[in-house]
Amino acid sequence: MSRFCAKCGYEMDEMAVACPKCGAPTGVNNNRPKIIQNKNIATCVILSILTCGIYGIIWFVSLTDDSKRLKDDNTASGGVAFLFTLLSCGIYSIYWGYKIGKRLYEAGKEQGVDVSDNSILYIVLSLFGLGIVNYCLIQNDLNKFADK
């Protein structure tokens, strides 16, 4: 079932917290349990360095799965995304960054969370070998959903 935004008239889901088109709050308070946990970015980076990247793999999987929960997305899970990254010698991670950037932006519009579309930035950072910076930026956006 759907309803219309009072500000712009856009048809939206009746449980939407904000209009996906204009971002106007709808007054709906979804008292759902938090599905995303706030993670300390500095701790994640330090653990990734201290474990020679092993925690970075866990973080990658966690970022993927958390972003999927925001959108009820049926694409590859975090483990499968990591496997694709291994099999493609890292090329899949470039696509992964783009897709997760788009997913977070769309989820932010739907849920009224201020998240920028950083998908192109994630591609550029991946091309320059700065994947851990991507992880930090993505985690920062996910923390915004956790704090909501």
C-alpha atoms as a PDB file:
ATOM      1  CA  MET A   1       0.000   0.000   0.000  1.00  0.00           C
ATOM      2  CA  SER A   2       1.258   3.498  -0.676  1.00  0.00           C
ATOM      3  CA  ARG A   3       0.582   7.120   0.153  1.00  0.00           C
ATOM      4  CA  PHE A   4       1.608  10.515  -1.197  1.00  0.00           C
ATOM      5  CA  CYS A   5       4.071  13.105   0.083  1.00  0.00           C
ATOM      6  CA  ALA A   6       2.360  16.184   1.550  1.00  0.00           C
ATOM      7  CA  LYS A   7       5.084  18.448   0.163  1.00  0.00           C
ATOM      8  CA  CYS A   8       5.657  17.250  -3.427  1.00  0.00           C
ATOM      9  CA  GLY A   9       2.910  14.663  -4.054  1.00  0.00           C
ATOM     10  CA  TYR A  10       5.354  11.814  -4.804  1.00  0.00           C
ATOM     11  CA  GLU A  11       3.894   8.325  -4.301  1.00  0.00           C
ATOM     12  CA  MET A  12       5.817   6.464  -1.608  1.00  0.00           C
ATOM     13  CA  ASP A  13       5.633   3.494   0.716  1.00  0.00           C
ATOM     14  CA  GLU A  14       3.336   4.041   3.675  1.00  0.00           C
ATOM     15  CA  MET A  15       6.119   3.197   6.152  1.00  0.00           C
ATOM     16  CA  ALA A  16       8.621   5.683   4.642  1.00  0.00           C
ATOM     17  CA  VAL A  17      10.147   8.003   7.233  1.00  0.00           C
ATOM     18  CA  ALA A  18      10.968  10.606   4.570  1.00  0.00           C
ATOM     19  CA  CYS A  19       9.934  11.242   0.969  1.00  0.00           C
ATOM     20  CA  PRO A  20      12.434   9.566  -1.399  1.00  0.00           C
ATOM     21  CA  LYS A  21      12.052  12.440  -3.890  1.00  0.00           C
ATOM     22  CA  CYS A  22      12.189  15.639  -1.819  1.00  0.00           C
ATOM     23  CA  GLY A  23      13.345  14.330   1.582  1.00  0.00           C
ATOM     24  CA  ALA A  24      10.435  15.824   3.517  1.00  0.00           C
ATOM     25  CA  PRO A  25       9.737  13.972   6.777  1.00  0.00           C
ATOM     26  CA  THR A  26       6.506  11.995   6.735  1.00  0.00           C
ATOM     27  CA  GLY A  27       5.897  11.830  10.469  1.00  0.00           C
ATOM     28  CA  VAL A  28       6.106   8.034  10.457  1.00  0.00           C
ATOM     29  CA  ASN A  29       8.186   6.688  13.315  1.00  0.00           C
ATOM     30  CA  ASN A  30       9.310   3.194  12.520  1.00  0.00           C
ATOM     31  CA  ASN A  31      10.136   1.805  15.936  1.00  0.00           C
ATOM     32  CA  ARG A  32      12.132  -0.998  14.426  1.00  0.00           C
ATOM     33  CA  PRO A  33      15.174  -2.349  16.219  1.00  0.00           C
ATOM     34  CA  LYS A  34      18.460  -0.930  14.979  1.00  0.00           C
ATOM     35  CA  ILE A  35      19.846  -3.132  12.260  1.00  0.00           C
ATOM     36  CA  ILE A  36      23.200  -1.368  11.945  1.00  0.00           C
ATOM     37  CA  GLN A  37      25.714  -1.130  14.764  1.00  0.00           C
ATOM     38  CA  ASN A  38      27.894   1.931  15.162  1.00  0.00           C
ATOM     39  CA  LYS A  39      31.562   0.983  14.721  1.00  0.00           C
ATOM     40  CA  ASN A  40      34.561   3.089  15.706  1.00  0.00           C
ATOM     41  CA  ILE A  41      36.418   3.795  12.464  1.00  0.00           C
ATOM     42  CA  ALA A  42      39.826   4.312  14.105  1.00  0.00           C
ATOM     43  CA  THR A  43      39.545   0.966  15.894  1.00  0.00           C
ATOM     44  CA  CYS A  44      38.677  -0.782  12.631  1.00  0.00           C
ATOM     45  CA  VAL A  45      41.676   0.765  10.852  1.00  0.00           C
ATOM     46  CA  ILE A  46      44.065  -0.106  13.689  1.00  0.00           C
ATOM     47  CA  LEU A  47      42.792  -3.687  13.854  1.00  0.00           C
ATOM     48  CA  SER A  48      43.153  -3.999  10.078  1.00  0.00           C
ATOM     49  CA  ILE A  49      46.796  -2.889  10.304  1.00  0.00           C
ATOM     50  CA  LEU A  50      47.654  -4.993  13.368  1.00  0.00           C
ATOM     51  CA  THR A  51      46.183  -8.161  11.845  1.00  0.00           C
ATOM     52  CA  CYS A  52      47.916  -7.587   8.482  1.00  0.00           C
ATOM     53  CA  GLY A  53      44.595  -7.083   6.717  1.00  0.00           C
ATOM     54  CA  ILE A  54      42.627  -9.991   8.179  1.00  0.00           C
ATOM     55  CA  TYR A  55      40.316  -7.669  10.089  1.00  0.00           C
ATOM     56  CA  GLY A  56      40.015  -5.644   6.871  1.00  0.00           C
ATOM     57  CA  ILE A  57      38.397  -8.688   5.265  1.00  0.00           C
ATOM     58  CA  ILE A  58      35.949  -8.997   8.148  1.00  0.00           C
ATOM     59  CA  TRP A  59      35.236  -5.274   7.891  1.00  0.00           C
ATOM     60  CA  PHE A  60      34.630  -5.561   4.118  1.00  0.00           C
ATOM     61  CA  VAL A  61      32.111  -8.361   4.683  1.00  0.00           C
ATOM     62  CA  SER A  62      30.438  -6.407   7.488  1.00  0.00           C
ATOM     63  CA  LEU A  63      30.157  -3.234   5.378  1.00  0.00           C
ATOM     64  CA  THR A  64      28.548  -5.190   2.564  1.00  0.00           C
ATOM     65  CA  ASP A  65      26.067  -7.000   4.794  1.00  0.00           C
ATOM     66  CA  ASP A  66      25.134  -3.856   6.749  1.00  0.00           C
ATOM     67  CA  SER A  67      24.450  -1.897   3.565  1.00  0.00           C
ATOM     68  CA  LYS A  68      22.323  -4.769   2.249  1.00  0.00           C
ATOM     69  CA  ARG A  69      20.198  -4.681   5.412  1.00  0.00           C
ATOM     70  CA  LEU A  70      19.425  -1.008   4.843  1.00  0.00           C
ATOM     71  CA  LYS A  71      17.848  -1.649   1.462  1.00  0.00           C
ATOM     72  CA  ASP A  72      16.653  -5.275   1.829  1.00  0.00           C
ATOM     73  CA  ASP A  73      18.901  -5.974  -1.138  1.00  0.00           C
ATOM     74  CA  ASN A  74      19.201  -9.475  -2.597  1.00  0.00           C
ATOM     75  CA  THR A  75      22.581  -8.976  -4.255  1.00  0.00           C
ATOM     76  CA  ALA A  76      25.775 -10.771  -3.253  1.00  0.00           C
ATOM     77  CA  SER A  77      26.416 -11.181   0.458  1.00  0.00           C
ATOM     78  CA  GLY A  78      29.613  -9.925   2.015  1.00  0.00           C
ATOM     79  CA  GLY A  79      31.300 -13.305   1.781  1.00  0.00           C
ATOM     80  CA  VAL A  80      30.368 -13.713  -1.875  1.00  0.00           C
ATOM     81  CA  ALA A  81      31.504 -10.142  -2.634  1.00  0.00           C
ATOM     82  CA  PHE A  82      34.860 -10.930  -1.034  1.00  0.00           C
ATOM     83  CA  LEU A  83      35.136 -14.142  -3.062  1.00  0.00           C
ATOM     84  CA  PHE A  84      34.384 -12.210  -6.284  1.00  0.00           C
ATOM     85  CA  THR A  85      37.072  -9.700  -5.299  1.00  0.00           C
ATOM     86  CA  LEU A  86      39.615 -12.491  -4.824  1.00  0.00           C
ATOM     87  CA  LEU A  87      38.689 -14.250  -8.067  1.00  0.00           C
ATOM     88  CA  SER A  88      38.867 -11.016 -10.083  1.00  0.00           C
ATOM     89  CA  CYS A  89      42.201  -9.963  -8.522  1.00  0.00           C
ATOM     90  CA  GLY A  90      40.552  -6.932  -6.917  1.00  0.00           C
ATOM     91  CA  ILE A  91      38.632  -5.646  -9.928  1.00  0.00           C
ATOM     92  CA  TYR A  92      35.273  -6.496  -8.369  1.00  0.00           C
ATOM     93  CA  SER A  93      36.082  -4.190  -5.436  1.00  0.00           C
ATOM     94  CA  ILE A  94      35.912  -1.211  -7.805  1.00  0.00           C
ATOM     95  CA  TYR A  95      32.372  -2.185  -8.821  1.00  0.00           C
ATOM     96  CA  TRP A  96      31.577  -2.979  -5.184  1.00  0.00           C
ATOM     97  CA  GLY A  97      32.504   0.551  -4.118  1.00  0.00           C
ATOM     98  CA  TYR A  98      30.268   2.056  -6.789  1.00  0.00           C
ATOM     99  CA  LYS A  99      27.299  -0.147  -5.882  1.00  0.00           C
ATOM    100  CA  ILE A 100      27.605   0.384  -2.137  1.00  0.00           C
ATOM    101  CA  GLY A 101      27.821   4.148  -2.681  1.00  0.00           C
ATOM    102  CA  LYS A 102      24.580   4.092  -4.675  1.00  0.00           C
ATOM    103  CA  ARG A 103      22.913   1.783  -2.147  1.00  0.00           C
ATOM    104  CA  LEU A 104      23.758   4.053   0.791  1.00  0.00           C
ATOM    105  CA  TYR A 105      22.594   7.150  -1.074  1.00  0.00           C
ATOM    106  CA  GLU A 106      19.240   5.566  -1.961  1.00  0.00           C
ATOM    107  CA  ALA A 107      18.767   4.260   1.584  1.00  0.00           C
ATOM    108  CA  GLY A 108      19.549   7.728   2.925  1.00  0.00           C
ATOM    109  CA  LYS A 109      16.906   9.298   0.697  1.00  0.00           C
ATOM    110  CA  GLU A 110      14.327   6.717   1.762  1.00  0.00           C
ATOM    111  CA  GLN A 111      15.072   6.946   5.471  1.00  0.00           C
ATOM    112  CA  GLY A 112      15.777  10.659   5.759  1.00  0.00           C
ATOM    113  CA  VAL A 113      19.478  10.299   6.558  1.00  0.00           C
ATOM    114  CA  ASP A 114      21.898  12.872   5.107  1.00  0.00           C
ATOM    115  CA  VAL A 115      24.207  10.697   2.953  1.00  0.00           C
ATOM    116  CA  SER A 116      25.961  11.973  -0.168  1.00  0.00           C
ATOM    117  CA  ASP A 117      26.295   9.953  -3.374  1.00  0.00           C
ATOM    118  CA  ASN A 118      29.970   9.025  -3.106  1.00  0.00           C
ATOM    119  CA  SER A 119      29.904   6.229  -5.678  1.00  0.00           C
ATOM    120  CA  ILE A 120      32.292   7.954  -8.113  1.00  0.00           C
ATOM    121  CA  LEU A 121      34.640   8.921  -5.275  1.00  0.00           C
ATOM    122  CA  TYR A 122      34.784   5.253  -4.230  1.00  0.00           C
ATOM    123  CA  ILE A 123      35.789   4.244  -7.771  1.00  0.00           C
ATOM    124  CA  VAL A 124      38.577   6.842  -7.876  1.00  0.00           C
ATOM    125  CA  LEU A 125      39.897   5.865  -4.445  1.00  0.00           C
ATOM    126  CA  SER A 126      39.865   2.178  -5.434  1.00  0.00           C
ATOM    127  CA  LEU A 127      41.791   2.924  -8.616  1.00  0.00           C
ATOM    128  CA  PHE A 128      44.494   4.667  -6.561  1.00  0.00           C
ATOM    129  CA  GLY A 129      44.734   1.748  -4.102  1.00  0.00           C
ATOM    130  CA  LEU A 130      43.011   3.558  -1.235  1.00  0.00           C
ATOM    131  CA  GLY A 131      40.413   0.907  -0.433  1.00  0.00           C
ATOM    132  CA  ILE A 132      40.776   1.418   3.301  1.00  0.00           C
ATOM    133  CA  VAL A 133      39.742   5.055   2.844  1.00  0.00           C
ATOM    134  CA  ASN A 134      36.622   3.731   1.109  1.00  0.00           C
ATOM    135  CA  TYR A 135      35.942   1.513   4.099  1.00  0.00           C
ATOM    136  CA  CYS A 136      36.255   4.510   6.441  1.00  0.00           C
ATOM    137  CA  LEU A 137      33.899   6.677   4.373  1.00  0.00           C
ATOM    138  CA  ILE A 138      31.367   3.871   4.006  1.00  0.00           C
ATOM    139  CA  GLN A 139      31.511   3.130   7.736  1.00  0.00           C
ATOM    140  CA  ASN A 140      30.991   6.824   8.459  1.00  0.00           C
ATOM    141  CA  ASP A 141      27.797   6.759   6.362  1.00  0.00           C
ATOM    142  CA  LEU A 142      26.635   3.517   8.005  1.00  0.00           C
ATOM    143  CA  ASN A 143      27.218   5.082  11.437  1.00  0.00           C
ATOM    144  CA  LYS A 144      24.765   7.817  10.458  1.00  0.00           C
ATOM    145  CA  PHE A 145      22.086   5.154  10.020  1.00  0.00           C
ATOM    146  CA  ALA A 146      23.074   3.505  13.319  1.00  0.00           C
ATOM    147  CA  ASP A 147      22.794   6.817  15.178  1.00  0.00           C
ATOM    148  CA  LYS A 148      19.380   7.558  13.706  1.00  0.00           C
END
